[in-house]
PDB file of N, CA and C in Angstrom:
ATOM      1  N   MET A   1       0.819  -1.179   0.000  1.00  0.00           N
ATOM      2  CA  MET A   1       0.000   0.001   0.003  1.00  0.00           C
ATOM      3  C   MET A   1       0.869   1.254  -0.005  1.00  0.00           C
ATOM      4  N   LEU A   2       0.380   2.290  -0.638  1.00  0.00           N
ATOM      5  CA  LEU A   2       1.112   3.546  -0.702  1.00  0.00           C
ATOM      6  C   LEU A   2       0.700   4.481   0.427  1.00  0.00           C
ATOM      7  N   ASP A   3       1.684   5.127   0.993  1.00  0.00           N
ATOM      8  CA  ASP A   3       1.380   6.163   1.974  1.00  0.00           C
ATOM      9  C   ASP A   3       0.912   7.412   1.254  1.00  0.00           C
ATOM     10  N   GLU A   4       0.205   8.260   1.961  1.00  0.00           N
ATOM     11  CA  GLU A   4      -0.264   9.503   1.357  1.00  0.00           C
ATOM     12  C   GLU A   4       0.899  10.364   0.872  1.00  0.00           C
ATOM     13  N   GLU A   5       2.020  10.293   1.561  1.00  0.00           N
ATOM     14  CA  GLU A   5       3.183  11.088   1.172  1.00  0.00           C
ATOM     15  C   GLU A   5       3.784  10.629  -0.160  1.00  0.00           C
ATOM     16  N   GLU A   6       3.578   9.373  -0.496  1.00  0.00           N
ATOM     17  CA  GLU A   6       4.134   8.828  -1.726  1.00  0.00           C
ATOM     18  C   GLU A   6       3.288   9.173  -2.951  1.00  0.00           C
ATOM     19  N   ILE A   7       2.055   9.510  -2.719  1.00  0.00           N
ATOM     20  CA  ILE A   7       1.165   9.836  -3.837  1.00  0.00           C
ATOM     21  C   ILE A   7       1.356  11.309  -4.190  1.00  0.00           C
ATOM     22  N   THR A   8       1.682  11.530  -5.421  1.00  0.00           N
ATOM     23  CA  THR A   8       1.825  12.909  -5.890  1.00  0.00           C
ATOM     24  C   THR A   8       0.846  13.140  -7.016  1.00  0.00           C
ATOM     25  N   THR A   9       0.268  14.250  -6.990  1.00  0.00           N
ATOM     26  CA  THR A   9      -0.651  14.627  -8.044  1.00  0.00           C
ATOM     27  C   THR A   9      -0.043  15.778  -8.812  1.00  0.00           C
ATOM     28  N   GLU A  10       0.094  15.571 -10.100  1.00  0.00           N
ATOM     29  CA  GLU A  10       0.638  16.642 -10.921  1.00  0.00           C
ATOM     30  C   GLU A  10      -0.491  17.549 -11.362  1.00  0.00           C
ATOM     31  N   VAL A  11      -0.320  18.800 -11.074  1.00  0.00           N
ATOM     32  CA  VAL A  11      -1.308  19.783 -11.485  1.00  0.00           C
ATOM     33  C   VAL A  11      -0.881  20.306 -12.849  1.00  0.00           C
ATOM     34  N   PRO A  12      -1.774  20.199 -13.837  1.00  0.00           N
ATOM     35  CA  PRO A  12      -1.390  20.718 -15.153  1.00  0.00           C
ATOM     36  C   PRO A  12      -1.162  22.221 -15.078  1.00  0.00           C
ATOM     37  N   THR A  13      -0.094  22.636 -15.695  1.00  0.00           N
ATOM     38  CA  THR A  13       0.205  24.058 -15.702  1.00  0.00           C
ATOM     39  C   THR A  13      -0.241  24.666 -17.021  1.00  0.00           C
ATOM     40  N   THR A  14      -0.780  25.835 -16.934  1.00  0.00           N
ATOM     41  CA  THR A  14      -1.177  26.530 -18.140  1.00  0.00           C
ATOM     42  C   THR A  14      -0.104  27.564 -18.461  1.00  0.00           C
ATOM     43  N   PRO A  15       0.174  27.750 -19.729  1.00  0.00           N
ATOM     44  CA  PRO A  15       1.208  28.724 -20.071  1.00  0.00           C
ATOM     45  C   PRO A  15       0.786  30.132 -19.674  1.00  0.00           C
ATOM     46  N   VAL A  16       1.742  30.894 -19.205  1.00  0.00           N
ATOM     47  CA  VAL A  16       1.476  32.271 -18.840  1.00  0.00           C
ATOM     48  C   VAL A  16       1.363  33.086 -20.125  1.00  0.00           C
ATOM     49  N   VAL A  17       0.284  33.803 -20.245  1.00  0.00           N
ATOM     50  CA  VAL A  17       0.098  34.626 -21.424  1.00  0.00           C
ATOM     51  C   VAL A  17       0.894  35.910 -21.238  1.00  0.00           C
ATOM     52  N   GLU A  18       1.780  36.153 -22.179  1.00  0.00           N
ATOM     53  CA  GLU A  18       2.588  37.362 -22.109  1.00  0.00           C
ATOM     54  C   GLU A  18       1.789  38.534 -22.661  1.00  0.00           C
ATOM     55  N   THR A  19       1.884  39.639 -21.980  1.00  0.00           N
ATOM     56  CA  THR A  19       1.232  40.840 -22.460  1.00  0.00           C
ATOM     57  C   THR A  19       2.046  41.421 -23.614  1.00  0.00           C
ATOM     58  N   ILE A  20       1.430  42.310 -24.348  1.00  0.00           N
ATOM     59  CA  ILE A  20       2.138  42.983 -25.437  1.00  0.00           C
ATOM     60  C   ILE A  20       3.325  43.752 -24.867  1.00  0.00           C
ATOM     61  N   LEU A  21       3.143  44.372 -23.724  1.00  0.00           N
ATOM     62  CA  LEU A  21       4.242  45.103 -23.069  1.00  0.00           C
ATOM     63  C   LEU A  21       5.434  44.180 -22.820  1.00  0.00           C
ATOM     64  N   VAL A  22       5.173  43.014 -22.266  1.00  0.00           N
ATOM     65  CA  VAL A  22       6.255  42.062 -21.972  1.00  0.00           C
ATOM     66  C   VAL A  22       6.935  41.617 -23.266  1.00  0.00           C
ATOM     67  N   LYS A  23       6.158  41.367 -24.295  1.00  0.00           N
ATOM     68  CA  LYS A  23       6.731  40.928 -25.579  1.00  0.00           C
ATOM     69  C   LYS A  23       7.621  42.003 -26.199  1.00  0.00           C
ATOM     70  N   VAL A  24       7.160  43.245 -26.170  1.00  0.00           N
ATOM     71  CA  VAL A  24       7.954  44.345 -26.715  1.00  0.00           C
ATOM     72  C   VAL A  24       9.263  44.475 -25.935  1.00  0.00           C
ATOM     73  N   LYS A  25       9.157  44.426 -24.620  1.00  0.00           N
ATOM     74  CA  LYS A  25      10.362  44.552 -23.797  1.00  0.00           C
ATOM     75  C   LYS A  25      11.330  43.411 -24.058  1.00  0.00           C
ATOM     76  N   LYS A  26      10.809  42.214 -24.255  1.00  0.00           N
ATOM     77  CA  LYS A  26      11.654  41.053 -24.526  1.00  0.00           C
ATOM     78  C   LYS A  26      12.359  41.220 -25.881  1.00  0.00           C
ATOM     79  N   ILE A  27      11.624  41.674 -26.894  1.00  0.00           N
ATOM     80  CA  ILE A  27      12.206  41.897 -28.223  1.00  0.00           C
ATOM     81  C   ILE A  27      13.340  42.904 -28.155  1.00  0.00           C
ATOM     82  N   GLN A  28      13.158  43.940 -27.366  1.00  0.00           N
ATOM     83  CA  GLN A  28      14.139  45.009 -27.271  1.00  0.00           C
ATOM     84  C   GLN A  28      15.199  44.773 -26.193  1.00  0.00           C
ATOM     85  N   GLY A  29      15.048  43.717 -25.430  1.00  0.00           N
ATOM     86  CA  GLY A  29      16.022  43.421 -24.379  1.00  0.00           C
ATOM     87  C   GLY A  29      15.916  44.386 -23.205  1.00  0.00           C
ATOM     88  N   ILE A  30      14.724  44.901 -22.965  1.00  0.00           N
ATOM     89  CA  ILE A  30      14.506  45.830 -21.852  1.00  0.00           C
ATOM     90  C   ILE A  30      14.141  45.009 -20.615  1.00  0.00           C
ATOM     91  N   ASN A  31      14.911  45.162 -19.537  1.00  0.00           N
ATOM     92  CA  ASN A  31      14.656  44.370 -18.331  1.00  0.00           C
ATOM     93  C   ASN A  31      14.366  45.234 -17.103  1.00  0.00           C
ATOM     94  N   HIS A  32      13.818  46.404 -17.333  1.00  0.00           N
ATOM     95  CA  HIS A  32      13.432  47.297 -16.248  1.00  0.00           C
ATOM     96  C   HIS A  32      12.080  47.916 -16.589  1.00  0.00           C
ATOM     97  N   THR A  33      11.537  48.687 -15.688  1.00  0.00           N
ATOM     98  CA  THR A  33      10.193  49.253 -15.889  1.00  0.00           C
ATOM     99  C   THR A  33      10.208  50.745 -16.235  1.00  0.00           C
ATOM    100  N   GLU A  34      11.380  51.300 -16.435  1.00  0.00           N
ATOM    101  CA  GLU A  34      11.508  52.732 -16.656  1.00  0.00           C
ATOM    102  C   GLU A  34      10.682  53.246 -17.842  1.00  0.00           C
ATOM    103  N   PHE A  35      10.567  52.421 -18.904  1.00  0.00           N
ATOM    104  CA  PHE A  35       9.854  52.858 -20.108  1.00  0.00           C
ATOM    105  C   PHE A  35       8.453  52.262 -20.247  1.00  0.00           C
ATOM    106  N   ASP A  36       7.986  51.533 -19.232  1.00  0.00           N
ATOM    107  CA  ASP A  36       6.686  50.865 -19.330  1.00  0.00           C
ATOM    108  C   ASP A  36       5.541  51.823 -19.660  1.00  0.00           C
ATOM    109  N   SER A  37       5.520  52.958 -19.019  1.00  0.00           N
ATOM    110  CA  SER A  37       4.445  53.932 -19.254  1.00  0.00           C
ATOM    111  C   SER A  37       4.445  54.408 -20.704  1.00  0.00           C
ATOM    112  N   MET A  38       5.618  54.702 -21.216  1.00  0.00           N
ATOM    113  CA  MET A  38       5.729  55.172 -22.593  1.00  0.00           C
ATOM    114  C   MET A  38       5.326  54.059 -23.574  1.00  0.00           C
ATOM    115  N   ILE A  39       5.781  52.857 -23.315  1.00  0.00           N
ATOM    116  CA  ILE A  39       5.442  51.725 -24.187  1.00  0.00           C
ATOM    117  C   ILE A  39       3.941  51.478 -24.152  1.00  0.00           C
ATOM    118  N   ASN A  40       3.344  51.522 -22.973  1.00  0.00           N
ATOM    119  CA  ASN A  40       1.886  51.343 -22.862  1.00  0.00           C
ATOM    120  C   ASN A  40       1.130  52.425 -23.609  1.00  0.00           C
ATOM    121  N   THR A  41       1.649  53.641 -23.606  1.00  0.00           N
ATOM    122  CA  THR A  41       1.023  54.732 -24.366  1.00  0.00           C
ATOM    123  C   THR A  41       1.047  54.418 -25.849  1.00  0.00           C
ATOM    124  N   TRP A  42       2.161  53.909 -26.350  1.00  0.00           N
ATOM    125  CA  TRP A  42       2.267  53.550 -27.773  1.00  0.00           C
ATOM    126  C   TRP A  42       1.363  52.363 -28.114  1.00  0.00           C
ATOM    127  N   ILE A  43       1.230  51.417 -27.180  1.00  0.00           N
ATOM    128  CA  ILE A  43       0.325  50.288 -27.397  1.00  0.00           C
ATOM    129  C   ILE A  43      -1.099  50.797 -27.543  1.00  0.00           C
ATOM    130  N   GLU A  44      -1.515  51.685 -26.658  1.00  0.00           N
ATOM    131  CA  GLU A  44      -2.868  52.251 -26.732  1.00  0.00           C
ATOM    132  C   GLU A  44      -3.049  53.085 -28.003  1.00  0.00           C
ATOM    133  N   SER A  45      -2.016  53.798 -28.387  1.00  0.00           N
ATOM    134  CA  SER A  45      -2.064  54.585 -29.625  1.00  0.00           C
ATOM    135  C   SER A  45      -2.268  53.681 -30.831  1.00  0.00           C
ATOM    136  N   ALA A  46      -1.575  52.559 -30.859  1.00  0.00           N
ATOM    137  CA  ALA A  46      -1.728  51.599 -31.956  1.00  0.00           C
ATOM    138  C   ALA A  46      -3.155  51.072 -31.998  1.00  0.00           C
ATOM    139  N   LYS A  47      -3.701  50.759 -30.835  1.00  0.00           N
ATOM    140  CA  LYS A  47      -5.085  50.256 -30.766  1.00  0.00           C
ATOM    141  C   LYS A  47      -6.066  51.298 -31.303  1.00  0.00           C
ATOM    142  N   LEU A  48      -5.878  52.552 -30.911  1.00  0.00           N
ATOM    143  CA  LEU A  48      -6.746  53.616 -31.407  1.00  0.00           C
ATOM    144  C   LEU A  48      -6.612  53.790 -32.922  1.00  0.00           C
ATOM    145  N   ASP A  49      -5.391  53.670 -33.404  1.00  0.00           N
ATOM    146  CA  ASP A  49      -5.158  53.784 -34.845  1.00  0.00           C
ATOM    147  C   ASP A  49      -5.890  52.684 -35.600  1.00  0.00           C
ATOM    148  N   LEU A  50      -5.828  51.465 -35.097  1.00  0.00           N
ATOM    149  CA  LEU A  50      -6.518  50.346 -35.751  1.00  0.00           C
ATOM    150  C   LEU A  50      -8.038  50.527 -35.696  1.00  0.00           C
ATOM    151  N   LYS A  51      -8.546  50.998 -34.564  1.00  0.00           N
ATOM    152  CA  LYS A  51      -9.982  51.255 -34.443  1.00  0.00           C
ATOM    153  C   LYS A  51     -10.417  52.360 -35.394  1.00  0.00           C
ATOM    154  N   SER A  52      -9.544  53.345 -35.607  1.00  0.00           N
ATOM    155  CA  SER A  52      -9.899  54.474 -36.464  1.00  0.00           C
ATOM    156  C   SER A  52     -10.064  54.093 -37.928  1.00  0.00           C
ATOM    157  N   ILE A  53      -9.494  52.957 -38.333  1.00  0.00           N
ATOM    158  CA  ILE A  53      -9.657  52.509 -39.723  1.00  0.00           C
ATOM    159  C   ILE A  53     -10.760  51.469 -39.854  1.00  0.00           C
ATOM    160  N   GLY A  54     -11.493  51.238 -38.746  1.00  0.00           N
ATOM    161  CA  GLY A  54     -12.638  50.343 -38.811  1.00  0.00           C
ATOM    162  C   GLY A  54     -12.413  48.940 -38.299  1.00  0.00           C
ATOM    163  N   ILE A  55     -11.276  48.681 -37.661  1.00  0.00           N
ATOM    164  CA  ILE A  55     -11.072  47.357 -37.076  1.00  0.00           C
ATOM    165  C   ILE A  55     -11.945  47.263 -35.824  1.00  0.00           C
ATOM    166  N   VAL A  56     -12.661  46.169 -35.683  1.00  0.00           N
ATOM    167  CA  VAL A  56     -13.610  45.988 -34.593  1.00  0.00           C
ATOM    168  C   VAL A  56     -12.904  46.117 -33.238  1.00  0.00           C
ATOM    169  N   SER A  57     -13.464  46.941 -32.374  1.00  0.00           N
ATOM    170  CA  SER A  57     -12.883  47.216 -31.042  1.00  0.00           C
ATOM    171  C   SER A  57     -12.634  45.957 -30.239  1.00  0.00           C
ATOM    172  N   THR A  58     -13.578  45.039 -30.264  1.00  0.00           N
ATOM    173  CA  THR A  58     -13.424  43.796 -29.508  1.00  0.00           C
ATOM    174  C   THR A  58     -12.181  43.033 -29.950  1.00  0.00           C
ATOM    175  N   LEU A  59     -11.928  43.030 -31.248  1.00  0.00           N
ATOM    176  CA  LEU A  59     -10.756  42.333 -31.772  1.00  0.00           C
ATOM    177  C   LEU A  59      -9.460  43.062 -31.416  1.00  0.00           C
ATOM    178  N   VAL A  60      -9.525  44.359 -31.387  1.00  0.00           N
ATOM    179  CA  VAL A  60      -8.330  45.148 -31.033  1.00  0.00           C
ATOM    180  C   VAL A  60      -8.026  45.001 -29.548  1.00  0.00           C
ATOM    181  N   ASN A  61      -9.060  44.993 -28.722  1.00  0.00           N
ATOM    182  CA  ASN A  61      -8.867  44.895 -27.268  1.00  0.00           C
ATOM    183  C   ASN A  61      -8.472  43.493 -26.818  1.00  0.00           C
ATOM    184  N   ASN A  62      -8.841  42.484 -27.600  1.00  0.00           N
ATOM    185  CA  ASN A  62      -8.467  41.086 -27.329  1.00  0.00           C
ATOM    186  C   ASN A  62      -7.831  40.537 -28.601  1.00  0.00           C
ATOM    187  N   PRO A  63      -6.636  40.995 -28.907  1.00  0.00           N
ATOM    188  CA  PRO A  63      -6.052  40.732 -30.223  1.00  0.00           C
ATOM    189  C   PRO A  63      -5.649  39.279 -30.480  1.00  0.00           C
ATOM    190  N   ASP A  64      -5.869  38.875 -31.726  1.00  0.00           N
ATOM    191  CA  ASP A  64      -5.299  37.602 -32.169  1.00  0.00           C
ATOM    192  C   ASP A  64      -3.859  37.889 -32.556  1.00  0.00           C
ATOM    193  N   SER A  65      -3.164  36.895 -33.059  1.00  0.00           N
ATOM    194  CA  SER A  65      -1.742  37.080 -33.345  1.00  0.00           C
ATOM    195  C   SER A  65      -1.499  38.105 -34.451  1.00  0.00           C
ATOM    196  N   PHE A  66      -2.419  38.223 -35.406  1.00  0.00           N
ATOM    197  CA  PHE A  66      -2.254  39.188 -36.498  1.00  0.00           C
ATOM    198  C   PHE A  66      -2.324  40.625 -35.990  1.00  0.00           C
ATOM    199  N   ILE A  67      -3.338  40.901 -35.211  1.00  0.00           N
ATOM    200  CA  ILE A  67      -3.482  42.267 -34.656  1.00  0.00           C
ATOM    201  C   ILE A  67      -2.376  42.540 -33.648  1.00  0.00           C
ATOM    202  N   GLU A  68      -2.047  41.557 -32.848  1.00  0.00           N
ATOM    203  CA  GLU A  68      -0.976  41.740 -31.872  1.00  0.00           C
ATOM    204  C   GLU A  68       0.357  42.065 -32.554  1.00  0.00           C
ATOM    205  N   THR A  69       0.635  41.371 -33.646  1.00  0.00           N
ATOM    206  CA  THR A  69       1.859  41.646 -34.397  1.00  0.00           C
ATOM    207  C   THR A  69       1.874  43.068 -34.936  1.00  0.00           C
ATOM    208  N   ALA A  70       0.725  43.523 -35.430  1.00  0.00           N
ATOM    209  CA  ALA A  70       0.640  44.900 -35.930  1.00  0.00           C
ATOM    210  C   ALA A  70       0.909  45.895 -34.804  1.00  0.00           C
ATOM    211  N   ILE A  71       0.324  45.651 -33.636  1.00  0.00           N
ATOM    212  CA  ILE A  71       0.520  46.551 -32.486  1.00  0.00           C
ATOM    213  C   ILE A  71       1.994  46.573 -32.080  1.00  0.00           C
ATOM    214  N   ILE A  72       2.611  45.411 -32.002  1.00  0.00           N
ATOM    215  CA  ILE A  72       4.028  45.334 -31.631  1.00  0.00           C
ATOM    216  C   ILE A  72       4.883  46.069 -32.666  1.00  0.00           C
ATOM    217  N   THR A  73       4.563  45.895 -33.934  1.00  0.00           N
ATOM    218  CA  THR A  73       5.325  46.560 -34.998  1.00  0.00           C
ATOM    219  C   THR A  73       5.200  48.071 -34.888  1.00  0.00           C
ATOM    220  N   TYR A  74       3.992  48.553 -34.584  1.00  0.00           N
ATOM    221  CA  TYR A  74       3.767  49.992 -34.383  1.00  0.00           C
ATOM    222  C   TYR A  74       4.671  50.508 -33.254  1.00  0.00           C
ATOM    223  N   VAL A  75       4.669  49.799 -32.139  1.00  0.00           N
ATOM    224  CA  VAL A  75       5.476  50.227 -30.993  1.00  0.00           C
ATOM    225  C   VAL A  75       6.964  50.213 -31.344  1.00  0.00           C
ATOM    226  N   LEU A  76       7.403  49.181 -32.048  1.00  0.00           N
ATOM    227  CA  LEU A  76       8.816  49.093 -32.417  1.00  0.00           C
ATOM    228  C   LEU A  76       9.232  50.229 -33.352  1.00  0.00           C
ATOM    229  N   SER A  77       8.272  50.774 -34.104  1.00  0.00           N
ATOM    230  CA  SER A  77       8.604  51.897 -34.986  1.00  0.00           C
ATOM    231  C   SER A  77       9.001  53.145 -34.193  1.00  0.00           C
ATOM    232  N   PHE A  78       8.645  53.179 -32.914  1.00  0.00           N
ATOM    233  CA  PHE A  78       9.031  54.293 -32.047  1.00  0.00           C
ATOM    234  C   PHE A  78      10.256  53.964 -31.189  1.00  0.00           C
ATOM    235  N   ILE A  79      10.365  52.716 -30.776  1.00  0.00           N
ATOM    236  CA  ILE A  79      11.435  52.323 -29.857  1.00  0.00           C
ATOM    237  C   ILE A  79      12.738  52.042 -30.569  1.00  0.00           C
ATOM    238  N   ASP A  80      12.674  51.304 -31.656  1.00  0.00           N
ATOM    239  CA  ASP A  80      13.882  50.859 -32.365  1.00  0.00           C
ATOM    240  C   ASP A  80      14.272  51.901 -33.409  1.00  0.00           C
ATOM    241  N   VAL A  81      14.901  52.962 -32.959  1.00  0.00           N
ATOM    242  CA  VAL A  81      15.197  54.109 -33.803  1.00  0.00           C
ATOM    243  C   VAL A  81      15.969  53.746 -35.078  1.00  0.00           C
ATOM    244  N   PRO A  82      17.015  52.913 -35.007  1.00  0.00           N
ATOM    245  CA  PRO A  82      17.734  52.588 -36.247  1.00  0.00           C
ATOM    246  C   PRO A  82      16.860  51.890 -37.306  1.00  0.00           C
ATOM    247  N   ASN A  83      15.825  51.180 -36.843  1.00  0.00           N
ATOM    248  CA  ASN A  83      14.944  50.443 -37.758  1.00  0.00           C
ATOM    249  C   ASN A  83      13.542  51.023 -37.822  1.00  0.00           C
ATOM    250  N   ALA A  84      13.388  52.245 -37.356  1.00  0.00           N
ATOM    251  CA  ALA A  84      12.067  52.859 -37.260  1.00  0.00           C
ATOM    252  C   ALA A  84      11.324  52.906 -38.594  1.00  0.00           C
ATOM    253  N   GLU A  85      12.023  53.281 -39.640  1.00  0.00           N
ATOM    254  CA  GLU A  85      11.384  53.386 -40.955  1.00  0.00           C
ATOM    255  C   GLU A  85      10.890  52.026 -41.436  1.00  0.00           C
ATOM    256  N   MET A  86      11.691  51.001 -41.238  1.00  0.00           N
ATOM    257  CA  MET A  86      11.299  49.656 -41.632  1.00  0.00           C
ATOM    258  C   MET A  86      10.039  49.210 -40.878  1.00  0.00           C
ATOM    259  N   TYR A  87      10.016  49.429 -39.565  1.00  0.00           N
ATOM    260  CA  TYR A  87       8.862  49.046 -38.771  1.00  0.00           C
ATOM    261  C   TYR A  87       7.627  49.876 -39.139  1.00  0.00           C
ATOM    262  N   ALA A  88       7.809  51.151 -39.413  1.00  0.00           N
ATOM    263  CA  ALA A  88       6.682  52.002 -39.803  1.00  0.00           C
ATOM    264  C   ALA A  88       6.067  51.524 -41.120  1.00  0.00           C
ATOM    265  N   LYS A  89       6.907  51.178 -42.066  1.00  0.00           N
ATOM    266  CA  LYS A  89       6.404  50.657 -43.351  1.00  0.00           C
ATOM    267  C   LYS A  89       5.706  49.314 -43.161  1.00  0.00           C
ATOM    268  N   SER A  90       6.287  48.478 -42.340  1.00  0.00           N
ATOM    269  CA  SER A  90       5.695  47.175 -42.065  1.00  0.00           C
ATOM    270  C   SER A  90       4.328  47.326 -41.398  1.00  0.00           C
ATOM    271  N   TYR A  91       4.233  48.220 -40.420  1.00  0.00           N
ATOM    272  CA  TYR A  91       2.952  48.472 -39.760  1.00  0.00           C
ATOM    273  C   TYR A  91       1.926  48.978 -40.761  1.00  0.00           C
ATOM    274  N   SER A  92       2.339  49.879 -41.620  1.00  0.00           N
ATOM    275  CA  SER A  92       1.434  50.424 -42.628  1.00  0.00           C
ATOM    276  C   SER A  92       0.865  49.314 -43.520  1.00  0.00           C
ATOM    277  N   LEU A  93       1.717  48.395 -43.926  1.00  0.00           N
ATOM    278  CA  LEU A  93       1.265  47.268 -44.753  1.00  0.00           C
ATOM    279  C   LEU A  93       0.328  46.345 -43.965  1.00  0.00           C
ATOM    280  N   GLN A  94       0.681  46.050 -42.734  1.00  0.00           N
ATOM    281  CA  GLN A  94      -0.168  45.195 -41.897  1.00  0.00           C
ATOM    282  C   GLN A  94      -1.534  45.832 -41.696  1.00  0.00           C
ATOM    283  N   LYS A  95      -1.543  47.130 -41.422  1.00  0.00           N
ATOM    284  CA  LYS A  95      -2.788  47.849 -41.209  1.00  0.00           C
ATOM    285  C   LYS A  95      -3.649  47.825 -42.471  1.00  0.00           C
ATOM    286  N   ASP A  96      -3.019  47.982 -43.617  1.00  0.00           N
ATOM    287  CA  ASP A  96      -3.734  47.962 -44.887  1.00  0.00           C
ATOM    288  C   ASP A  96      -4.382  46.598 -45.124  1.00  0.00           C
ATOM    289  N   VAL A  97      -3.638  45.535 -44.833  1.00  0.00           N
ATOM    290  CA  VAL A  97      -4.195  44.188 -44.999  1.00  0.00           C
ATOM    291  C   VAL A  97      -5.366  43.990 -44.047  1.00  0.00           C
ATOM    292  N   LEU A  98      -5.212  44.379 -42.785  1.00  0.00           N
ATOM    293  CA  LEU A  98      -6.282  44.226 -41.805  1.00  0.00           C
ATOM    294  C   LEU A  98      -7.558  44.948 -42.238  1.00  0.00           C
ATOM    295  N   ARG A  99      -7.417  46.152 -42.754  1.00  0.00           N
ATOM    296  CA  ARG A  99      -8.622  46.908 -43.116  1.00  0.00           C
ATOM    297  C   ARG A  99      -9.338  46.345 -44.337  1.00  0.00           C
ATOM    298  N   HIS A 100      -8.642  45.483 -45.094  1.00  0.00           N
ATOM    299  CA  HIS A 100      -9.266  44.852 -46.245  1.00  0.00           C
ATOM    300  C   HIS A 100      -9.822  43.462 -45.948  1.00  0.00           C
ATOM    301  N   LEU A 101      -9.585  42.945 -44.761  1.00  0.00           N
ATOM    302  CA  LEU A 101     -10.113  41.641 -44.380  1.00  0.00           C
ATOM    303  C   LEU A 101     -11.459  41.828 -43.694  1.00  0.00           C
ATOM    304  N   LYS A 102     -12.506  41.332 -44.315  1.00  0.00           N
ATOM    305  CA  LYS A 102     -13.859  41.583 -43.819  1.00  0.00           C
ATOM    306  C   LYS A 102     -14.092  41.064 -42.402  1.00  0.00           C
ATOM    307  N   GLU A 103     -13.379  40.026 -41.986  1.00  0.00           N
ATOM    308  CA  GLU A 103     -13.600  39.506 -40.634  1.00  0.00           C
ATOM    309  C   GLU A 103     -13.036  40.429 -39.541  1.00  0.00           C
ATOM    310  N   TYR A 104     -12.272  41.436 -39.925  1.00  0.00           N
ATOM    311  CA  TYR A 104     -11.718  42.379 -38.957  1.00  0.00           C
ATOM    312  C   TYR A 104     -12.416  43.744 -38.960  1.00  0.00           C
ATOM    313  N   THR A 105     -13.248  43.998 -39.926  1.00  0.00           N
ATOM    314  CA  THR A 105     -13.818  45.341 -40.062  1.00  0.00           C
ATOM    315  C   THR A 105     -15.261  45.433 -39.574  1.00  0.00           C
ATOM    316  N   TRP A 106     -15.671  46.660 -39.331  1.00  0.00           N
ATOM    317  CA  TRP A 106     -17.009  46.953 -38.813  1.00  0.00           C
ATOM    318  C   TRP A 106     -18.131  46.442 -39.706  1.00  0.00           C
ATOM    319  N   GLY A 107     -17.985  46.571 -41.002  1.00  0.00           N
ATOM    320  CA  GLY A 107     -19.067  46.248 -41.926  1.00  0.00           C
ATOM    321  C   GLY A 107     -19.628  44.858 -41.753  1.00  0.00           C
ATOM    322  N   VAL A 108     -18.764  43.871 -41.577  1.00  0.00           N
ATOM    323  CA  VAL A 108     -19.209  42.487 -41.463  1.00  0.00           C
ATOM    324  C   VAL A 108     -19.761  42.195 -40.073  1.00  0.00           C
ATOM    325  N   ASN A 109     -19.065  42.648 -39.054  1.00  0.00           N
ATOM    326  CA  ASN A 109     -19.445  42.303 -37.696  1.00  0.00           C
ATOM    327  C   ASN A 109     -20.615  43.129 -37.163  1.00  0.00           C
ATOM    328  N   ASN A 110     -20.931  44.203 -37.817  1.00  0.00           N
ATOM    329  CA  ASN A 110     -22.035  45.056 -37.374  1.00  0.00           C
ATOM    330  C   ASN A 110     -23.078  45.266 -38.462  1.00  0.00           C
ATOM    331  N   ALA A 111     -23.197  44.298 -39.353  1.00  0.00           N
ATOM    332  CA  ALA A 111     -24.153  44.421 -40.450  1.00  0.00           C
ATOM    333  C   ALA A 111     -25.562  44.487 -39.906  1.00  0.00           C
ATOM    334  N   VAL A 112     -26.390  45.279 -40.584  1.00  0.00           N
ATOM    335  CA  VAL A 112     -27.771  45.446 -40.154  1.00  0.00           C
ATOM    336  C   VAL A 112     -28.613  44.344 -40.759  1.00  0.00           C
TER     337      VAL A 112
END
């Protein structure tokens, strides 16, 4: 017979979901909180920009990987100065693709 001490129950662990802030900081190698406020401002700015072109707010506030990548790219266009132009162009292309996909825009999700 097994003693209670010998019985171990493994609790399944769920992966920790990284926030966009954490992902941006990891990409840039930032390991302090000094710029968190500024980065969060750029994240919110990116979300507002996407909403302004008709991307559904619910999708922007709970982004899938496509929208999340666009937001990260937007932020990197401000943080990564040597590559800012490349990131800005990339964000512009991503935003253009998003606004042409009917599953991301207001027209489909809010049809009368």
